[in-house]
Amino acid sequence: MENEKLFDLRFRVKHRLKEYLQAAGLRLWESDPENLKTSCPFCGQEANVLTVPLEQPQYYWTCPYCKEKGDAIRYAMAFYKLTEEDAILHVSRLLGERIPFLLTFTATEVMQM
């Protein structure tokens, strides 16, 4: 897979944590109208969902217990134990993003699966 195409896809979905959690059916709740929470994909404790108020809001998570943090891609990597490439594709599919390239495998890769 070409790095440039993967980088573009990652950039389009990484800030969409709130949408990703909803689409994946993962835990997301409001402790009050200003504060979103989720479960930390590393330790399972309550993590904060931070909002960067831009034209299109950006969402990140941070865990006050284990100190891990990240975006939608990092959440998927930790929660599902995915590689970064697989996490980008997983999040993109759930968010309905068009993936503009085909995944191809060699016969050796298929046999190793």
Protein backbone atom coordinates (compact mmCIF):
# COMPACT_ATOMS: atom_id res chain seq x y z
CA MET A 1 0.00 0.00 0.00
CA GLU A 2 1.31 3.43 -0.86
CA ASN A 3 2.19 5.51 2.20
CA GLU A 4 0.81 8.74 0.71
CA LYS A 5 -2.67 7.24 0.21
CA LEU A 6 -2.65 5.69 3.67
CA PHE A 7 -1.46 8.98 5.20
CA ASP A 8 -4.32 10.86 3.49
CA LEU A 9 -6.86 8.34 4.74
CA ARG A 10 -5.46 8.51 8.28
CA PHE A 11 -5.63 12.31 8.24
CA ARG A 12 -9.32 12.24 7.22
CA VAL A 13 -10.42 9.96 10.09
CA LYS A 14 -8.04 10.37 13.03
CA HIS A 15 -9.87 13.33 14.64
CA ARG A 16 -13.31 11.69 14.39
CA LEU A 17 -13.14 9.72 17.66
CA LYS A 18 -16.70 10.58 18.74
CA GLU A 19 -18.17 9.36 15.44
CA TYR A 20 -15.96 6.28 15.49
CA LEU A 21 -17.01 5.24 19.00
CA GLN A 22 -20.67 5.65 18.06
CA ALA A 23 -20.30 3.75 14.77
CA ALA A 24 -18.39 0.90 16.45
CA GLY A 25 -20.91 0.65 19.28
CA LEU A 26 -18.19 1.37 21.84
CA ARG A 27 -18.80 3.12 25.14
CA LEU A 28 -19.33 6.89 24.95
CA TRP A 29 -21.30 8.90 27.48
CA GLU A 30 -21.73 12.42 28.78
CA SER A 31 -20.97 13.04 32.44
CA ASP A 32 -22.49 16.48 31.81
CA PRO A 33 -23.23 18.40 28.59
CA GLU A 34 -19.64 19.67 28.39
CA ASN A 35 -17.77 16.42 29.18
CA LEU A 36 -17.68 13.26 27.09
CA LYS A 37 -16.23 10.03 28.50
CA THR A 38 -15.23 6.64 27.14
CA SER A 39 -13.43 3.58 28.43
CA CYS A 40 -9.66 3.58 28.08
CA PRO A 41 -8.68 0.91 25.53
CA PHE A 42 -5.53 0.19 27.55
CA CYS A 43 -6.68 -0.08 31.18
CA GLY A 44 -10.50 -0.02 30.94
CA GLN A 45 -10.84 2.91 33.33
CA GLU A 46 -12.86 6.04 32.57
CA ALA A 47 -11.09 8.21 29.99
CA ASN A 48 -11.87 11.77 28.97
CA VAL A 49 -12.84 12.68 25.43
CA LEU A 50 -11.35 16.06 24.62
CA THR A 51 -12.84 18.36 22.01
CA VAL A 52 -10.83 20.84 19.99
CA PRO A 53 -13.47 23.37 18.88
CA LEU A 54 -12.60 24.07 15.26
CA GLU A 55 -14.91 24.47 12.26
CA GLN A 56 -15.14 20.68 12.31
CA PRO A 57 -14.50 19.66 15.95
CA GLN A 58 -11.63 17.28 16.57
CA TYR A 59 -11.86 14.60 19.27
CA TYR A 60 -9.13 12.86 21.26
CA TRP A 61 -9.11 10.67 24.37
CA THR A 62 -6.88 10.78 27.42
CA CYS A 63 -6.78 8.46 30.43
CA PRO A 64 -5.97 10.00 33.82
CA TYR A 65 -5.17 6.54 35.25
CA CYS A 66 -2.65 4.96 32.87
CA LYS A 67 -1.73 8.25 31.13
CA GLU A 68 -2.34 6.87 27.62
CA LYS A 69 -3.95 9.15 25.03
CA GLY A 70 -4.64 9.40 21.34
CA ASP A 71 -6.98 9.73 18.42
CA ALA A 72 -9.47 7.34 16.79
CA ILE A 73 -6.70 5.33 15.11
CA ARG A 74 -4.77 4.79 18.35
CA TYR A 75 -8.01 3.83 20.12
CA ALA A 76 -8.78 1.16 17.50
CA MET A 77 -5.19 -0.12 17.56
CA ALA A 78 -5.30 -0.59 21.33
CA PHE A 79 -8.88 -1.84 21.65
CA TYR A 80 -8.74 -4.39 18.83
CA LYS A 81 -4.96 -5.07 18.90
CA LEU A 82 -4.59 -3.93 15.27
CA THR A 83 -1.61 -2.71 13.33
CA GLU A 84 -1.73 0.98 12.40
CA GLU A 85 -2.60 0.15 8.78
CA ASP A 86 -5.43 -2.19 9.80
CA ALA A 87 -6.73 0.36 12.32
CA ILE A 88 -6.83 3.10 9.67
CA LEU A 89 -8.79 0.83 7.33
CA HIS A 90 -11.12 -0.33 10.14
CA VAL A 91 -11.94 3.22 11.30
CA SER A 92 -12.33 4.43 7.71
CA ARG A 93 -14.78 1.66 6.85
CA LEU A 94 -16.90 2.31 9.93
CA LEU A 95 -17.01 6.03 9.17
CA GLY A 96 -18.01 5.39 5.56
CA GLU A 97 -14.84 6.84 4.08
CA ARG A 98 -14.01 5.89 0.52
CA ILE A 99 -10.83 3.82 0.43
CA PRO A 100 -9.27 4.75 -2.93
CA PHE A 101 -6.98 1.76 -3.33
CA LEU A 102 -7.23 -1.99 -3.41
CA LEU A 103 -5.53 -4.20 -0.90
CA THR A 104 -3.54 -6.91 -2.61
CA PHE A 105 -1.80 -9.93 -1.15
CA THR A 106 0.87 -12.20 -2.51
CA ALA A 107 0.35 -15.98 -2.45
CA THR A 108 2.91 -16.20 0.36
CA GLU A 109 0.98 -13.64 2.45
CA VAL A 110 -2.27 -15.55 1.90
CA MET A 111 -0.58 -18.81 2.98
CA GLN A 112 0.75 -17.13 6.13
CA MET A 113 -2.76 -15.98 7.05
